[in-house]
Amino acid sequence: MGPNGRDIHIGLDRLVAGMTGLKHDGRFHEPNLDGTAGDYISFDSWEWPQGVGLYGLIRLWLFTGRDDLRLLVENWYADRLEGGLPQLNVNTTAPMLGLSVLWAKTGDPRWKPLLDDWANRVITEMGRTPEGGFEHHVSDKINDNELWDDTLYMVALFLASYGQASGRQELIDEASRQFLVHARYLADPHTGLWFHGWTFDGRHNFAGAHWARGNAWITAGILDFFDLAEMARPVKDHLQGVLLAQVDALLPLQTASGAWHTLLDDATSYEEISATAGIGYGLLKGYRLGIGTPAWRTGGLKALQAVMNNIDETGTVLNVSYGTRMGHDLQFYRDIPIQPTGYGQALAILCLSEALQHVGAEGQTA
């Protein structure tokens, strides 16, 4: 028997508390290119980990209807707007996804001008690779001519969500283009797994790493894309095929604990829980949407148990790897330090929230 609904709700309450309590402790010093201090940990910072975190909170609000979560998120955005927003790049776009989903549900007029302006600037200002992919420029580094799998979750899902909610088809079309271009260069045709990145300078996949969290962005991201927007049928069919190939490769690599290694096909690398949560979320959601087989549900529930085993009494998700730059050798990924983060909390929230949809009549997930 798996965790029951009560256990999952307790875990979710702890995860929310753990996320909102995150503070930068000075361990990592990563100044931004504009000279400001980079903070990828504290809940009140506008960056990509917090952006994923807000999306997780909003998804939980949509699942549960808890108004305290909606108010928490609305106050976060209002406070950040008052303090001024950072420059546009791939990672600073991540918080716009949650805001778009929030606006689509509430219609609050406070948010629409910001959403329109940011979407327009993404389309017109964001750097492009050959074939029109978004270059993975971030707050502290310019990555010319590089495609990273993270970009789809941080930018393309926002365009899809806001395009659908606002009736702007050109935004959905751009999101579709990004998924297709990234899939062309990052989906490994030999294994079905995804590489972390691709560069047009030398045309290679860097270390050739099948990095777990990068693959989690894809498992979760393709399914969220299907959920957030209506796209052309050939695009959806193609991406569904890519997803099926990826999951066929992922399931045999799941460990006895229910987790995945940070390098999926390297058992000497540590088991990593943010990736496990993201993949587990995708497996459960894919099964619920009728895309996956019962093996997806079984794998998702094993991942759920692994995630719950790694939530401590303070609600902190353990064994989460810190933000990971592009690695030029595989040892780089084995050496990434462990650090609680907003995306670790959020991916766990997504996994547990989705699991609530799979709790049986007697409260058990088995």
Protein backbone atom coordinates (compact mmCIF):
# COMPACT_ATOMS: atom_id res chain seq x y z
CA MET A 1 0.00 0.00 0.00
CA GLY A 2 1.22 3.50 -0.79
CA PRO A 3 0.87 6.74 1.16
CA ASN A 4 -2.70 7.70 1.99
CA GLY A 5 -4.40 11.00 1.29
CA ARG A 6 -3.85 12.26 4.82
CA ASP A 7 -0.10 11.59 4.61
CA ILE A 8 0.04 13.42 1.29
CA HIS A 9 -1.81 16.47 2.65
CA ILE A 10 0.52 16.59 5.67
CA GLY A 11 3.49 16.39 3.31
CA LEU A 12 2.11 19.22 1.19
CA ASP A 13 1.61 21.48 4.21
CA ARG A 14 5.21 20.84 5.23
CA LEU A 15 6.48 21.49 1.71
CA VAL A 16 4.77 24.88 1.53
CA ALA A 17 6.24 25.87 4.90
CA GLY A 18 9.66 24.65 3.81
CA MET A 19 9.51 26.65 0.57
CA THR A 20 8.41 29.94 2.09
CA GLY A 21 11.09 29.61 4.76
CA LEU A 22 14.02 29.29 2.33
CA LYS A 23 16.79 31.86 2.91
CA HIS A 24 20.17 32.38 1.30
CA ASP A 25 22.83 31.49 3.86
CA GLY A 26 25.83 32.84 1.94
CA ARG A 27 27.05 29.42 0.86
CA PHE A 28 26.87 30.32 -2.83
CA HIS A 29 28.15 33.63 -4.21
CA GLU A 30 26.89 34.11 -7.77
CA PRO A 31 26.77 37.79 -8.76
CA ASN A 32 24.66 38.73 -11.76
CA LEU A 33 26.08 40.31 -14.90
CA ASP A 34 24.51 43.67 -13.99
CA GLY A 35 26.41 43.73 -10.70
CA THR A 36 23.50 42.79 -8.45
CA ALA A 37 23.73 39.87 -6.05
CA GLY A 38 22.32 36.59 -7.32
CA ASP A 39 19.99 34.77 -4.95
CA TYR A 40 18.73 31.43 -6.21
CA ILE A 41 17.52 30.21 -2.83
CA SER A 42 15.51 32.79 -0.85
CA PHE A 43 11.77 32.63 -1.44
CA ASP A 44 11.47 36.39 -1.94
CA SER A 45 13.91 36.55 -4.88
CA TRP A 46 12.72 36.82 -8.51
CA GLU A 47 14.61 34.02 -10.23
CA TRP A 48 13.98 30.66 -11.83
CA PRO A 49 13.92 28.46 -8.68
CA GLN A 50 11.33 30.76 -7.14
CA GLY A 51 9.45 30.84 -10.45
CA VAL A 52 9.11 27.08 -10.47
CA GLY A 53 8.19 27.29 -6.79
CA LEU A 54 5.33 29.70 -7.47
CA TYR A 55 4.02 27.48 -10.25
CA GLY A 56 3.97 24.59 -7.80
CA LEU A 57 2.04 26.66 -5.25
CA ILE A 58 -0.49 27.75 -7.88
CA ARG A 59 -0.97 24.18 -9.08
CA LEU A 60 -1.59 23.16 -5.48
CA TRP A 61 -4.12 25.99 -5.14
CA LEU A 62 -5.90 24.79 -8.28
CA PHE A 63 -5.97 21.22 -6.96
CA THR A 64 -7.20 22.17 -3.47
CA GLY A 65 -8.95 25.53 -3.73
CA ARG A 66 -7.02 26.81 -0.70
CA ASP A 67 -7.35 30.60 -0.73
CA ASP A 68 -4.38 31.00 1.62
CA LEU A 69 -2.16 29.76 -1.21
CA ARG A 70 -3.68 32.18 -3.72
CA LEU A 71 -3.16 35.09 -1.32
CA LEU A 72 0.41 34.01 -0.63
CA VAL A 73 1.20 34.01 -4.33
CA GLU A 74 -0.63 37.25 -5.11
CA ASN A 75 1.21 39.03 -2.31
CA TRP A 76 4.53 37.65 -3.58
CA TYR A 77 3.96 39.11 -7.05
CA ALA A 78 2.66 42.43 -5.70
CA ASP A 79 5.73 42.82 -3.48
CA ARG A 80 8.15 41.97 -6.27
CA LEU A 81 6.49 44.42 -8.66
CA GLU A 82 6.71 47.17 -6.09
CA GLY A 83 10.40 46.50 -5.62
CA GLY A 84 11.14 46.44 -9.38
CA LEU A 85 11.80 43.49 -11.68
CA PRO A 86 15.14 42.23 -13.04
CA GLN A 87 16.22 42.25 -16.66
CA LEU A 88 14.58 39.79 -19.01
CA ASN A 89 16.34 36.51 -19.70
CA VAL A 90 15.44 32.82 -19.80
CA ASN A 91 15.54 32.31 -16.05
CA THR A 92 13.87 35.56 -15.01
CA THR A 93 10.96 34.56 -17.25
CA ALA A 94 10.20 31.54 -15.06
CA PRO A 95 8.00 33.43 -12.55
CA MET A 96 5.75 34.55 -15.41
CA LEU A 97 4.36 31.04 -15.84
CA GLY A 98 2.74 31.02 -12.42
CA LEU A 99 1.44 34.55 -12.93
CA SER A 100 -0.12 33.55 -16.25
CA VAL A 101 -1.89 30.53 -14.72
CA LEU A 102 -3.06 32.74 -11.84
CA TRP A 103 -4.40 35.40 -14.22
CA ALA A 104 -6.12 32.80 -16.40
CA LYS A 105 -8.08 31.65 -13.35
CA THR A 106 -8.81 34.97 -11.62
CA GLY A 107 -8.79 37.53 -14.44
CA ASP A 108 -7.21 40.02 -12.02
CA PRO A 109 -6.50 43.16 -14.10
CA ARG A 110 -3.34 43.92 -12.10
CA TRP A 111 -1.36 41.31 -13.97
CA LYS A 112 -2.31 41.64 -17.64
CA PRO A 113 -0.10 44.63 -18.60
CA LEU A 114 2.95 42.89 -17.16
CA LEU A 115 2.10 39.60 -18.85
CA ASP A 116 1.57 41.28 -22.23
CA ASP A 117 4.75 43.30 -21.99
CA TRP A 118 6.89 40.35 -20.91
CA ALA A 119 5.49 38.05 -23.61
CA ASN A 120 6.11 40.70 -26.29
CA ARG A 121 9.68 41.17 -25.10
CA VAL A 122 10.36 37.42 -25.06
CA ILE A 123 9.30 37.21 -28.70
CA THR A 124 11.21 40.28 -29.88
CA GLU A 125 14.25 40.54 -27.60
CA MET A 126 15.32 37.08 -26.47
CA GLY A 127 18.46 35.80 -28.18
CA ARG A 128 18.03 33.16 -30.86
CA THR A 129 20.14 30.27 -32.09
CA PRO A 130 20.10 29.05 -35.68
CA GLU A 131 16.65 27.62 -36.43
CA GLY A 132 15.08 30.06 -34.00
CA GLY A 133 15.62 28.40 -30.63
CA PHE A 134 15.93 30.61 -27.57
CA GLU A 135 19.54 30.97 -26.46
CA HIS A 136 19.93 30.05 -22.80
CA HIS A 137 20.98 33.48 -21.55
CA VAL A 138 20.63 33.80 -17.78
CA SER A 139 21.25 36.43 -15.13
CA ASP A 140 24.91 35.62 -14.57
CA LYS A 141 26.03 34.19 -17.91
CA ILE A 142 25.55 34.61 -21.65
CA ASN A 143 25.34 31.26 -23.45
CA ASP A 144 25.47 32.20 -27.13
CA ASN A 145 24.28 29.59 -29.64
CA GLU A 146 23.32 27.15 -26.86
CA LEU A 147 20.08 25.22 -26.33
CA TRP A 148 19.38 23.90 -22.80
CA ASP A 149 16.44 21.66 -21.91
CA ASP A 150 15.65 23.95 -18.95
CA THR A 151 14.55 26.69 -21.37
CA LEU A 152 11.34 24.89 -22.28
CA TYR A 153 10.09 24.90 -18.69
CA MET A 154 11.28 28.43 -17.94
CA VAL A 155 10.05 30.19 -21.11
CA ALA A 156 8.02 28.05 -23.52
CA LEU A 157 5.41 27.00 -20.95
CA PHE A 158 4.78 30.66 -20.10
CA LEU A 159 4.20 31.48 -23.76
CA ALA A 160 1.86 28.49 -24.10
CA SER A 161 -0.10 29.33 -20.96
CA TYR A 162 -0.48 33.01 -21.64
CA GLY A 163 -1.15 32.47 -25.33
CA GLN A 164 -4.03 30.15 -24.50
CA ALA A 165 -5.44 32.38 -21.75
CA SER A 166 -5.22 35.60 -23.77
CA GLY A 167 -6.19 34.21 -27.16
CA ARG A 168 -2.78 35.02 -28.66
CA GLN A 169 -2.16 32.12 -31.02
CA GLU A 170 1.26 33.45 -32.01
CA LEU A 171 2.51 32.75 -28.49
CA ILE A 172 1.32 29.13 -28.61
CA ASP A 173 2.95 28.78 -32.02
CA GLU A 174 6.24 30.09 -30.63
CA ALA A 175 6.05 27.65 -27.72
CA SER A 176 5.47 24.83 -30.21
CA ARG A 177 8.46 25.95 -32.24
CA GLN A 178 10.67 25.94 -29.15
CA PHE A 179 9.64 22.42 -28.15
CA LEU A 180 10.28 21.16 -31.69
CA VAL A 181 13.69 22.84 -32.10
CA HIS A 182 14.86 21.70 -28.68
CA ALA A 183 13.64 18.16 -29.31
CA ARG A 184 15.56 18.07 -32.59
CA TYR A 185 18.88 18.72 -30.85
CA LEU A 186 18.41 17.45 -27.30
CA ALA A 187 16.40 14.23 -27.61
CA ASP A 188 18.94 11.41 -27.93
CA PRO A 189 17.78 9.18 -30.81
CA HIS A 190 19.83 6.25 -29.49
CA THR A 191 18.31 6.06 -25.99
CA GLY A 192 15.17 8.24 -25.94
CA LEU A 193 16.61 10.24 -23.02
CA TRP A 194 17.43 13.93 -23.35
CA PHE A 195 20.82 15.60 -23.30
CA HIS A 196 21.33 18.64 -21.07
CA GLY A 197 22.42 20.93 -23.88
CA TRP A 198 23.53 21.53 -27.44
CA THR A 199 25.85 24.15 -28.92
CA PHE A 200 25.88 25.27 -32.53
CA ASP A 201 29.53 26.27 -32.00
CA GLY A 202 31.08 22.93 -32.88
CA ARG A 203 27.65 21.24 -33.05
CA HIS A 204 27.77 18.85 -30.09
CA ASN A 205 25.96 17.96 -26.85
CA PHE A 206 28.79 19.03 -24.51
CA ALA A 207 29.40 16.09 -22.11
CA GLY A 208 26.57 14.07 -23.62
CA ALA A 209 25.00 14.01 -20.16
CA HIS A 210 21.64 12.35 -19.60
CA TRP A 211 21.09 14.64 -16.64
CA ALA A 212 18.15 13.67 -14.47
CA ARG A 213 16.61 17.05 -13.64
CA GLY A 214 16.92 18.12 -17.27
CA ASN A 215 14.96 15.03 -18.23
CA ALA A 216 12.43 15.83 -15.51
CA TRP A 217 11.85 19.28 -17.05
CA ILE A 218 10.94 17.43 -20.24
CA THR A 219 8.71 14.70 -18.76
CA ALA A 220 6.80 17.29 -16.74
CA GLY A 221 7.09 20.02 -19.37
CA ILE A 222 5.63 18.14 -22.32
CA LEU A 223 2.64 17.07 -20.24
CA ASP A 224 2.17 20.57 -18.84
CA PHE A 225 2.35 21.94 -22.40
CA PHE A 226 -0.48 19.59 -23.37
CA ASP A 227 -2.40 20.75 -20.30
CA LEU A 228 -1.83 24.49 -20.75
CA ALA A 229 -2.51 25.04 -24.45
CA GLU A 230 -4.18 23.68 -27.55
CA MET A 231 -1.55 23.12 -30.22
CA ALA A 232 -1.55 21.83 -33.78
CA ARG A 233 -2.21 18.09 -33.96
CA PRO A 234 1.10 17.21 -35.70
CA VAL A 235 3.02 19.05 -32.96
CA LYS A 236 1.18 17.21 -30.21
CA ASP A 237 1.57 13.85 -31.93
CA HIS A 238 5.30 14.40 -32.42
CA LEU A 239 5.90 15.48 -28.83
CA GLN A 240 3.84 12.59 -27.50
CA GLY A 241 6.06 10.21 -29.44
CA VAL A 242 9.16 11.88 -28.00
CA LEU A 243 7.68 11.56 -24.50
CA LEU A 244 6.83 7.88 -24.93
CA ALA A 245 10.39 7.14 -26.06
CA GLN A 246 11.78 9.02 -23.06
CA VAL A 247 9.61 7.22 -20.52
CA ASP A 248 10.43 3.86 -22.08
CA ALA A 249 14.07 4.67 -21.29
CA LEU A 250 13.39 6.18 -17.85
CA LEU A 251 11.40 3.36 -16.27
CA PRO A 252 14.16 0.71 -16.36
CA LEU A 253 16.57 3.22 -14.79
CA GLN A 254 14.45 3.82 -11.69
CA THR A 255 16.27 2.55 -8.60
CA ALA A 256 14.92 0.26 -5.89
CA SER A 257 14.23 3.31 -3.71
CA GLY A 258 11.98 4.79 -6.40
CA ALA A 259 14.48 7.55 -7.26
CA TRP A 260 16.70 8.24 -10.26
CA HIS A 261 20.42 8.96 -10.30
CA THR A 262 21.50 12.52 -11.14
CA LEU A 263 23.13 11.00 -14.23
CA LEU A 264 20.33 8.69 -15.22
CA ASP A 265 22.48 5.94 -16.67
CA ASP A 266 25.35 6.20 -14.15
CA ALA A 267 24.76 4.26 -10.94
CA THR A 268 27.86 5.84 -9.36
CA SER A 269 26.13 9.25 -9.31
CA TYR A 270 23.88 10.10 -6.38
CA GLU A 271 20.10 9.67 -6.30
CA GLU A 272 18.52 13.09 -6.83
CA ILE A 273 15.08 13.96 -5.50
CA SER A 274 14.03 17.03 -7.48
CA ALA A 275 14.37 15.00 -10.68
CA THR A 276 12.57 12.09 -9.06
CA ALA A 277 9.70 14.38 -8.11
CA GLY A 278 9.45 15.91 -11.58
CA ILE A 279 9.55 12.56 -13.35
CA GLY A 280 7.10 11.08 -10.85
CA TYR A 281 4.73 14.00 -11.43
CA GLY A 282 4.95 13.46 -15.17
CA LEU A 283 4.39 9.71 -14.96
CA LEU A 284 1.29 10.08 -12.78
CA LYS A 285 -0.10 12.91 -14.87
CA GLY A 286 0.56 11.07 -18.11
CA TYR A 287 -1.29 8.04 -16.82
CA ARG A 288 -4.23 10.20 -15.66
CA LEU A 289 -4.43 11.89 -19.06
CA GLY A 290 -4.60 8.52 -20.82
CA ILE A 291 -1.17 8.79 -22.45
CA GLY A 292 0.74 6.32 -20.30
CA THR A 293 0.35 2.67 -19.37
CA PRO A 294 -0.18 1.23 -15.86
CA ALA A 295 3.62 0.97 -15.65
CA TRP A 296 3.72 4.77 -15.64
CA ARG A 297 1.43 4.86 -12.60
CA THR A 298 3.50 2.21 -10.82
CA GLY A 299 6.71 4.12 -11.48
CA GLY A 300 5.08 7.39 -10.45
CA LEU A 301 3.91 5.96 -7.14
CA LYS A 302 7.38 4.55 -6.43
CA ALA A 303 8.78 8.02 -7.12
CA LEU A 304 6.16 9.53 -4.81
CA GLN A 305 7.32 7.28 -1.99
CA ALA A 306 10.95 8.25 -2.60
CA VAL A 307 10.03 11.94 -2.48
CA MET A 308 8.03 11.56 0.73
CA ASN A 309 10.93 9.67 2.31
CA ASN A 310 13.08 12.75 1.63
CA ILE A 311 10.89 15.43 3.25
CA ASP A 312 12.18 16.27 6.71
CA GLU A 313 10.22 17.56 9.70
CA THR A 314 10.70 21.19 8.64
CA GLY A 315 9.22 20.45 5.21
CA THR A 316 12.59 20.70 3.46
CA VAL A 317 13.16 18.39 0.49
CA LEU A 318 16.48 16.63 0.95
CA ASN A 319 18.99 15.39 -1.63
CA VAL A 320 18.23 18.11 -4.17
CA SER A 321 21.14 19.14 -6.39
CA TYR A 322 21.92 22.84 -6.66
CA GLY A 323 21.44 24.79 -9.89
CA THR A 324 23.49 23.07 -12.56
CA ARG A 325 25.38 24.83 -15.31
CA MET A 326 26.34 23.10 -18.53
CA GLY A 327 28.87 20.37 -17.84
CA HIS A 328 31.77 19.63 -20.19
CA ASP A 329 32.46 16.26 -18.56
CA LEU A 330 30.31 13.80 -16.61
CA GLN A 331 32.22 14.25 -13.34
CA PHE A 332 30.88 17.81 -13.22
CA TYR A 333 27.38 16.42 -12.63
CA ARG A 334 28.51 13.94 -9.98
CA ASP A 335 30.08 16.83 -8.07
CA ILE A 336 27.11 19.24 -7.98
CA PRO A 337 26.43 19.99 -4.29
CA ILE A 338 23.20 19.21 -2.45
CA GLN A 339 21.15 22.27 -1.45
CA PRO A 340 17.46 22.84 -0.57
CA THR A 341 15.87 25.01 -3.26
CA GLY A 342 12.56 26.40 -4.43
CA TYR A 343 12.43 24.08 -7.42
CA GLY A 344 13.06 21.08 -5.18
CA GLN A 345 10.12 22.14 -3.03
CA ALA A 346 7.95 22.90 -6.07
CA LEU A 347 8.61 19.68 -7.95
CA ALA A 348 7.78 17.77 -4.77
CA ILE A 349 4.56 19.81 -4.44
CA LEU A 350 3.65 18.97 -8.03
CA CYS A 351 4.34 15.28 -7.42
CA LEU A 352 2.28 15.11 -4.22
CA SER A 353 -0.52 17.27 -5.67
CA GLU A 354 -0.84 14.98 -8.67
CA ALA A 355 -0.76 11.96 -6.37
CA LEU A 356 -3.95 13.24 -4.72
CA GLN A 357 -5.68 12.54 -8.02
CA HIS A 358 -4.65 8.88 -7.72
CA VAL A 359 -5.74 8.20 -4.14
CA GLY A 360 -8.36 5.49 -4.14
CA ALA A 361 -11.68 5.43 -2.39
CA GLU A 362 -10.06 4.16 0.80
CA GLY A 363 -7.37 6.79 0.74
CA GLN A 364 -4.55 4.55 -0.44
CA THR A 365 -2.47 5.00 -3.58
CA ALA A 366 -1.70 1.32 -4.11
